[in-house]
PDB file of all heavy atoms in Angstrom:
ATOM      1  N   THR A   1      63.233 143.760 -94.651  1.00  0.00           N
ATOM      2  CA  THR A   1      64.634 143.483 -94.939  1.00  0.00           C
ATOM      3  C   THR A   1      65.458 143.813 -93.690  1.00  0.00           C
ATOM      4  O   THR A   1      65.104 144.684 -92.869  1.00  0.00           O
ATOM      5  CB  THR A   1      65.158 144.325 -96.084  1.00  0.00           C
ATOM      6  OG1 THR A   1      65.030 145.714 -95.778  1.00  0.00           O
ATOM      7  CG2 THR A   1      64.357 143.995 -97.293  1.00  0.00           C
ATOM      8  N   TRP A   2      66.574 143.073 -93.493  1.00  0.00           N
ATOM      9  CA  TRP A   2      67.379 143.276 -92.302  1.00  0.00           C
ATOM     10  C   TRP A   2      68.159 144.547 -92.298  1.00  0.00           C
ATOM     11  O   TRP A   2      68.320 145.209 -91.260  1.00  0.00           O
ATOM     12  CB  TRP A   2      68.343 142.097 -92.119  1.00  0.00           C
ATOM     13  CG  TRP A   2      67.699 140.798 -91.733  1.00  0.00           C
ATOM     14  CD1 TRP A   2      67.533 139.691 -92.447  1.00  0.00           C
ATOM     15  CD2 TRP A   2      67.110 140.580 -90.444  1.00  0.00           C
ATOM     16  NE1 TRP A   2      66.912 138.704 -91.701  1.00  0.00           N
ATOM     17  CE2 TRP A   2      66.649 139.275 -90.471  1.00  0.00           C
ATOM     18  CE3 TRP A   2      66.937 141.324 -89.237  1.00  0.00           C
ATOM     19  CZ2 TRP A   2      65.996 138.672 -89.339  1.00  0.00           C
ATOM     20  CZ3 TRP A   2      66.270 140.765 -88.178  1.00  0.00           C
ATOM     21  CH2 TRP A   2      65.834 139.469 -88.225  1.00  0.00           C
ATOM     22  N   THR A   3      68.684 144.932 -93.477  1.00  0.00           N
ATOM     23  CA  THR A   3      69.565 146.105 -93.550  1.00  0.00           C
ATOM     24  C   THR A   3      68.830 147.434 -93.591  1.00  0.00           C
ATOM     25  O   THR A   3      69.009 148.292 -92.758  1.00  0.00           O
ATOM     26  CB  THR A   3      70.483 145.967 -94.794  1.00  0.00           C
ATOM     27  OG1 THR A   3      69.681 145.788 -95.936  1.00  0.00           O
ATOM     28  CG2 THR A   3      71.443 144.824 -94.611  1.00  0.00           C
ATOM     29  N   GLY A   4      67.970 147.632 -94.560  1.00  0.00           N
ATOM     30  CA  GLY A   4      67.285 148.886 -94.744  1.00  0.00           C
ATOM     31  C   GLY A   4      65.947 148.964 -93.997  1.00  0.00           C
ATOM     32  O   GLY A   4      65.402 150.067 -93.862  1.00  0.00           O
ATOM     33  N   GLY A   5      65.418 147.809 -93.539  1.00  0.00           N
ATOM     34  CA  GLY A   5      64.163 147.815 -92.854  1.00  0.00           C
ATOM     35  C   GLY A   5      62.987 148.128 -93.783  1.00  0.00           C
ATOM     36  O   GLY A   5      61.934 148.562 -93.359  1.00  0.00           O
ATOM     37  N   SER A   6      63.126 147.820 -95.101  1.00  0.00           N
ATOM     38  CA  SER A   6      62.034 148.002 -96.005  1.00  0.00           C
ATOM     39  C   SER A   6      60.965 147.047 -95.733  1.00  0.00           C
ATOM     40  O   SER A   6      61.216 145.851 -95.531  1.00  0.00           O
ATOM     41  CB  SER A   6      62.577 147.868 -97.456  1.00  0.00           C
ATOM     42  OG  SER A   6      63.544 148.832 -97.758  1.00  0.00           O
ATOM     43  N   THR A   7      59.738 147.472 -95.762  1.00  0.00           N
ATOM     44  CA  THR A   7      58.599 146.615 -95.420  1.00  0.00           C
ATOM     45  C   THR A   7      57.665 146.472 -96.612  1.00  0.00           C
ATOM     46  O   THR A   7      57.569 147.324 -97.485  1.00  0.00           O
ATOM     47  CB  THR A   7      57.781 147.213 -94.242  1.00  0.00           C
ATOM     48  OG1 THR A   7      57.380 148.525 -94.588  1.00  0.00           O
ATOM     49  CG2 THR A   7      58.673 147.229 -93.021  1.00  0.00           C
ATOM     50  N   TYR A   8      57.015 145.311 -96.610  1.00  0.00           N
ATOM     51  CA  TYR A   8      56.049 144.984 -97.672  1.00  0.00           C
ATOM     52  C   TYR A   8      54.893 144.298 -97.030  1.00  0.00           C
ATOM     53  O   TYR A   8      55.015 143.523 -96.127  1.00  0.00           O
ATOM     54  CB  TYR A   8      56.693 144.007 -98.701  1.00  0.00           C
ATOM     55  CG  TYR A   8      58.020 144.564 -99.247  1.00  0.00           C
ATOM     56  CD1 TYR A   8      59.205 144.305 -98.587  1.00  0.00           C
ATOM     57  CD2 TYR A   8      58.022 145.329-100.432  1.00  0.00           C
ATOM     58  CE1 TYR A   8      60.392 144.788 -99.125  1.00  0.00           C
ATOM     59  CE2 TYR A   8      59.194 145.820-100.925  1.00  0.00           C
ATOM     60  CZ  TYR A   8      60.405 145.556-100.253  1.00  0.00           C
ATOM     61  OH  TYR A   8      61.583 146.035-100.759  1.00  0.00           O
ATOM     62  N   TYR A   9      53.686 144.631 -97.527  1.00  0.00           N
ATOM     63  CA  TYR A   9      52.429 144.103 -96.908  1.00  0.00           C
ATOM     64  C   TYR A   9      51.476 143.637 -97.981  1.00  0.00           C
ATOM     65  O   TYR A   9      51.410 144.184 -99.050  1.00  0.00           O
ATOM     66  CB  TYR A   9      51.757 145.179 -96.107  1.00  0.00           C
ATOM     67  CG  TYR A   9      52.512 145.693 -94.893  1.00  0.00           C
ATOM     68  CD1 TYR A   9      53.316 146.822 -94.983  1.00  0.00           C
ATOM     69  CD2 TYR A   9      52.467 144.993 -93.686  1.00  0.00           C
ATOM     70  CE1 TYR A   9      54.021 147.251 -93.884  1.00  0.00           C
ATOM     71  CE2 TYR A   9      53.153 145.485 -92.593  1.00  0.00           C
ATOM     72  CZ  TYR A   9      53.937 146.606 -92.713  1.00  0.00           C
ATOM     73  OH  TYR A   9      54.627 147.050 -91.603  1.00  0.00           O
ATOM     74  N   ALA A  10      50.750 142.611 -97.630  1.00  0.00           N
ATOM     75  CA  ALA A  10      49.637 142.207 -98.449  1.00  0.00           C
ATOM     76  C   ALA A  10      48.533 143.273 -98.364  1.00  0.00           C
ATOM     77  O   ALA A  10      48.369 143.906 -97.314  1.00  0.00           O
ATOM     78  CB  ALA A  10      49.044 140.854 -98.016  1.00  0.00           C
ATOM     79  N   ASP A  11      47.810 143.476 -99.480  1.00  0.00           N
ATOM     80  CA  ASP A  11      46.774 144.475 -99.488  1.00  0.00           C
ATOM     81  C   ASP A  11      45.717 144.273 -98.337  1.00  0.00           C
ATOM     82  O   ASP A  11      45.194 145.264 -97.812  1.00  0.00           O
ATOM     83  CB  ASP A  11      46.051 144.507-100.839  1.00  0.00           C
ATOM     84  CG  ASP A  11      46.931 145.024-101.921  1.00  0.00           C
ATOM     85  OD1 ASP A  11      47.909 145.751-101.651  1.00  0.00           O
ATOM     86  OD2 ASP A  11      46.626 144.784-103.109  1.00  0.00           O
ATOM     87  N   SER A  12      45.467 143.024 -98.007  1.00  0.00           N
ATOM     88  CA  SER A  12      44.468 142.710 -97.020  1.00  0.00           C
ATOM     89  C   SER A  12      44.800 143.161 -95.608  1.00  0.00           C
ATOM     90  O   SER A  12      43.916 143.292 -94.765  1.00  0.00           O
ATOM     91  CB  SER A  12      44.161 141.204 -97.023  1.00  0.00           C
ATOM     92  OG  SER A  12      45.318 140.480 -96.735  1.00  0.00           O
ATOM     93  N   VAL A  13      46.073 143.474 -95.318  1.00  0.00           N
ATOM     94  CA  VAL A  13      46.484 143.831 -93.991  1.00  0.00           C
ATOM     95  C   VAL A  13      47.086 145.232 -93.912  1.00  0.00           C
ATOM     96  O   VAL A  13      47.367 145.662 -92.779  1.00  0.00           O
ATOM     97  CB  VAL A  13      47.469 142.827 -93.377  1.00  0.00           C
ATOM     98  CG1 VAL A  13      46.896 141.423 -93.474  1.00  0.00           C
ATOM     99  CG2 VAL A  13      48.810 142.881 -94.100  1.00  0.00           C
ATOM    100  N   LYS A  14      47.242 145.920 -94.998  1.00  0.00           N
ATOM    101  CA  LYS A  14      47.791 147.271 -94.985  1.00  0.00           C
ATOM    102  C   LYS A  14      46.981 148.191 -94.136  1.00  0.00           C
ATOM    103  O   LYS A  14      45.721 148.199 -94.187  1.00  0.00           O
ATOM    104  CB  LYS A  14      47.898 147.820 -96.409  1.00  0.00           C
ATOM    105  CG  LYS A  14      48.986 147.238 -97.250  1.00  0.00           C
ATOM    106  CD  LYS A  14      48.973 147.811 -98.649  1.00  0.00           C
ATOM    107  CE  LYS A  14      50.113 147.212 -99.472  1.00  0.00           C
ATOM    108  NZ  LYS A  14      50.112 147.801-100.897  1.00  0.00           N
ATOM    109  N   GLY A  15      47.668 148.935 -93.271  1.00  0.00           N
ATOM    110  CA  GLY A  15      46.999 149.851 -92.380  1.00  0.00           C
ATOM    111  C   GLY A  15      46.569 149.282 -91.088  1.00  0.00           C
ATOM    112  O   GLY A  15      46.205 150.005 -90.150  1.00  0.00           O
ATOM    113  N   ARG A  16      46.637 147.949 -90.956  1.00  0.00           N
ATOM    114  CA  ARG A  16      46.244 147.272 -89.747  1.00  0.00           C
ATOM    115  C   ARG A  16      47.380 146.526 -89.067  1.00  0.00           C
ATOM    116  O   ARG A  16      47.528 146.504 -87.837  1.00  0.00           O
ATOM    117  CB  ARG A  16      45.125 146.300 -89.990  1.00  0.00           C
ATOM    118  CG  ARG A  16      43.824 146.934 -90.528  1.00  0.00           C
ATOM    119  CD  ARG A  16      42.672 145.958 -90.616  1.00  0.00           C
ATOM    120  NE  ARG A  16      42.944 144.829 -91.472  1.00  0.00           N
ATOM    121  CZ  ARG A  16      43.025 143.586 -91.098  1.00  0.00           C
ATOM    122  NH1 ARG A  16      42.833 143.268 -89.801  1.00  0.00           N
ATOM    123  NH2 ARG A  16      43.261 142.594 -91.973  1.00  0.00           N
ATOM    124  N   PHE A  17      48.251 145.925 -89.888  1.00  0.00           N
ATOM    125  CA  PHE A  17      49.403 145.150 -89.396  1.00  0.00           C
ATOM    126  C   PHE A  17      50.704 145.962 -89.575  1.00  0.00           C
ATOM    127  O   PHE A  17      50.849 146.704 -90.556  1.00  0.00           O
ATOM    128  CB  PHE A  17      49.551 143.841 -90.142  1.00  0.00           C
ATOM    129  CG  PHE A  17      48.477 142.819 -89.872  1.00  0.00           C
ATOM    130  CD1 PHE A  17      47.337 143.177 -89.167  1.00  0.00           C
ATOM    131  CD2 PHE A  17      48.604 141.528 -90.329  1.00  0.00           C
ATOM    132  CE1 PHE A  17      46.327 142.262 -88.919  1.00  0.00           C
ATOM    133  CE2 PHE A  17      47.578 140.606 -90.089  1.00  0.00           C
ATOM    134  CZ  PHE A  17      46.468 140.990 -89.385  1.00  0.00           C
ATOM    135  N   THR A  18      51.646 145.785 -88.671  1.00  0.00           N
ATOM    136  CA  THR A  18      52.974 146.377 -88.759  1.00  0.00           C
ATOM    137  C   THR A  18      54.032 145.391 -88.477  1.00  0.00           C
ATOM    138  O   THR A  18      54.007 144.721 -87.409  1.00  0.00           O
ATOM    139  CB  THR A  18      53.122 147.579 -87.799  1.00  0.00           C
ATOM    140  OG1 THR A  18      52.085 148.551 -88.059  1.00  0.00           O
ATOM    141  CG2 THR A  18      54.464 148.207 -87.963  1.00  0.00           C
ATOM    142  N   ILE A  19      54.942 145.213 -89.422  1.00  0.00           N
ATOM    143  CA  ILE A  19      56.078 144.308 -89.202  1.00  0.00           C
ATOM    144  C   ILE A  19      57.272 145.122 -88.755  1.00  0.00           C
ATOM    145  O   ILE A  19      57.514 146.214 -89.247  1.00  0.00           O
ATOM    146  CB  ILE A  19      56.363 143.460 -90.449  1.00  0.00           C
ATOM    147  CG1 ILE A  19      57.420 142.386 -90.171  1.00  0.00           C
ATOM    148  CG2 ILE A  19      56.824 144.363 -91.621  1.00  0.00           C
ATOM    149  CD1 ILE A  19      57.635 141.395 -91.293  1.00  0.00           C
ATOM    150  N   SER A  20      58.089 144.573 -87.825  1.00  0.00           N
ATOM    151  CA  SER A  20      59.239 145.273 -87.356  1.00  0.00           C
ATOM    152  C   SER A  20      60.310 144.194 -86.997  1.00  0.00           C
ATOM    153  O   SER A  20      59.991 143.003 -86.906  1.00  0.00           O
ATOM    154  CB  SER A  20      58.971 146.155 -86.129  1.00  0.00           C
ATOM    155  OG  SER A  20      58.472 145.409 -85.062  1.00  0.00           O
ATOM    156  N   ARG A  21      61.518 144.688 -86.772  1.00  0.00           N
ATOM    157  CA  ARG A  21      62.580 143.705 -86.437  1.00  0.00           C
ATOM    158  C   ARG A  21      63.580 144.282 -85.428  1.00  0.00           C
ATOM    159  O   ARG A  21      63.732 145.483 -85.356  1.00  0.00           O
ATOM    160  CB  ARG A  21      63.305 143.205 -87.699  1.00  0.00           C
ATOM    161  CG  ARG A  21      64.459 144.148 -88.175  1.00  0.00           C
ATOM    162  CD  ARG A  21      63.917 145.226 -89.104  1.00  0.00           C
ATOM    163  NE  ARG A  21      65.010 145.851 -89.837  1.00  0.00           N
ATOM    164  CZ  ARG A  21      65.560 147.022 -89.465  1.00  0.00           C
ATOM    165  NH1 ARG A  21      65.165 147.641 -88.358  1.00  0.00           N
ATOM    166  NH2 ARG A  21      66.555 147.562 -90.221  1.00  0.00           N
ATOM    167  N   ASP A  22      64.163 143.410 -84.663  1.00  0.00           N
ATOM    168  CA  ASP A  22      65.239 143.724 -83.763  1.00  0.00           C
ATOM    169  C   ASP A  22      66.464 142.943 -84.252  1.00  0.00           C
ATOM    170  O   ASP A  22      66.585 141.726 -83.991  1.00  0.00           O
ATOM    171  CB  ASP A  22      64.882 143.368 -82.293  1.00  0.00           C
ATOM    172  CG  ASP A  22      65.919 143.738 -81.328  1.00  0.00           C
ATOM    173  OD1 ASP A  22      67.104 143.878 -81.662  1.00  0.00           O
ATOM    174  OD2 ASP A  22      65.568 143.999 -80.108  1.00  0.00           O
ATOM    175  N   ASN A  23      67.380 143.586 -84.940  1.00  0.00           N
ATOM    176  CA  ASN A  23      68.468 142.909 -85.578  1.00  0.00           C
ATOM    177  C   ASN A  23      69.392 142.237 -84.519  1.00  0.00           C
ATOM    178  O   ASN A  23      69.885 141.128 -84.747  1.00  0.00           O
ATOM    179  CB  ASN A  23      69.308 143.889 -86.370  1.00  0.00           C
ATOM    180  CG  ASN A  23      68.599 144.380 -87.613  1.00  0.00           C
ATOM    181  OD1 ASN A  23      67.400 144.638 -87.615  1.00  0.00           O
ATOM    182  ND2 ASN A  23      69.334 144.506 -88.704  1.00  0.00           N
ATOM    183  N   ALA A  24      69.587 142.895 -83.382  1.00  0.00           N
ATOM    184  CA  ALA A  24      70.450 142.305 -82.316  1.00  0.00           C
ATOM    185  C   ALA A  24      69.886 140.992 -81.804  1.00  0.00           C
ATOM    186  O   ALA A  24      70.688 140.098 -81.407  1.00  0.00           O
ATOM    187  CB  ALA A  24      70.650 143.287 -81.197  1.00  0.00           C
ATOM    188  N   LYS A  25      68.582 140.891 -81.726  1.00  0.00           N
ATOM    189  CA  LYS A  25      67.958 139.697 -81.228  1.00  0.00           C
ATOM    190  C   LYS A  25      67.505 138.727 -82.327  1.00  0.00           C
ATOM    191  O   LYS A  25      67.015 137.651 -82.021  1.00  0.00           O
ATOM    192  CB  LYS A  25      66.718 140.029 -80.379  1.00  0.00           C
ATOM    193  CG  LYS A  25      67.060 140.846 -79.166  1.00  0.00           C
ATOM    194  CD  LYS A  25      65.768 141.170 -78.379  1.00  0.00           C
ATOM    195  CE  LYS A  25      66.105 141.949 -77.091  1.00  0.00           C
ATOM    196  NZ  LYS A  25      64.853 142.273 -76.311  1.00  0.00           N
ATOM    197  N   SER A  26      67.745 139.092 -83.562  1.00  0.00           N
ATOM    198  CA  SER A  26      67.311 138.287 -84.723  1.00  0.00           C
ATOM    199  C   SER A  26      65.827 137.920 -84.571  1.00  0.00           C
ATOM    200  O   SER A  26      65.449 136.748 -84.764  1.00  0.00           O
ATOM    201  CB  SER A  26      68.192 137.047 -84.867  1.00  0.00           C
ATOM    202  OG  SER A  26      69.492 137.387 -85.163  1.00  0.00           O
ATOM    203  N   THR A  27      65.031 138.889 -84.236  1.00  0.00           N
ATOM    204  CA  THR A  27      63.626 138.670 -83.944  1.00  0.00           C
ATOM    205  C   THR A  27      62.763 139.606 -84.833  1.00  0.00           C
ATOM    206  O   THR A  27      63.110 140.762 -84.995  1.00  0.00           O
ATOM    207  CB  THR A  27      63.302 138.925 -82.513  1.00  0.00           C
ATOM    208  OG1 THR A  27      64.064 137.998 -81.692  1.00  0.00           O
ATOM    209  CG2 THR A  27      61.842 138.656 -82.247  1.00  0.00           C
ATOM    210  N   VAL A  28      61.739 139.059 -85.409  1.00  0.00           N
ATOM    211  CA  VAL A  28      60.767 139.829 -86.166  1.00  0.00           C
ATOM    212  C   VAL A  28      59.434 139.773 -85.456  1.00  0.00           C
ATOM    213  O   VAL A  28      59.016 138.760 -84.904  1.00  0.00           O
ATOM    214  CB  VAL A  28      60.650 139.264 -87.595  1.00  0.00           C
ATOM    215  CG1 VAL A  28      59.501 139.921 -88.328  1.00  0.00           C
ATOM    216  CG2 VAL A  28      61.918 139.457 -88.323  1.00  0.00           C
ATOM    217  N   TYR A  29      58.729 140.929 -85.493  1.00  0.00           N
ATOM    218  CA  TYR A  29      57.446 141.008 -84.801  1.00  0.00           C
ATOM    219  C   TYR A  29      56.342 141.375 -85.845  1.00  0.00           C
ATOM    220  O   TYR A  29      56.636 141.957 -86.901  1.00  0.00           O
ATOM    221  CB  TYR A  29      57.481 142.122 -83.747  1.00  0.00           C
ATOM    222  CG  TYR A  29      58.599 141.990 -82.751  1.00  0.00           C
ATOM    223  CD1 TYR A  29      59.832 142.590 -82.970  1.00  0.00           C
ATOM    224  CD2 TYR A  29      58.414 141.193 -81.570  1.00  0.00           C
ATOM    225  CE1 TYR A  29      60.830 142.433 -82.037  1.00  0.00           C
ATOM    226  CE2 TYR A  29      59.443 141.046 -80.709  1.00  0.00           C
ATOM    227  CZ  TYR A  29      60.652 141.673 -80.899  1.00  0.00           C
ATOM    228  OH  TYR A  29      61.689 141.515 -79.983  1.00  0.00           O
ATOM    229  N   LEU A  30      55.156 140.964 -85.497  1.00  0.00           N
ATOM    230  CA  LEU A  30      54.028 141.380 -86.325  1.00  0.00           C
ATOM    231  C   LEU A  30      52.960 141.889 -85.372  1.00  0.00           C
ATOM    232  O   LEU A  30      52.293 141.130 -84.641  1.00  0.00           O
ATOM    233  CB  LEU A  30      53.447 140.196 -87.128  1.00  0.00           C
ATOM    234  CG  LEU A  30      52.343 140.515 -88.073  1.00  0.00           C
ATOM    235  CD1 LEU A  30      52.835 141.399 -89.206  1.00  0.00           C
ATOM    236  CD2 LEU A  30      51.696 139.245 -88.661  1.00  0.00           C
TER     237      LEU A  30
END
């Protein structure tokens, strides 16, 4: 989410993948 930064993951990738965001750049990373 853009405001609170709450993250959600599929079970298959939990612990291995990390999602993040840069609000100023409107960019999401994986």
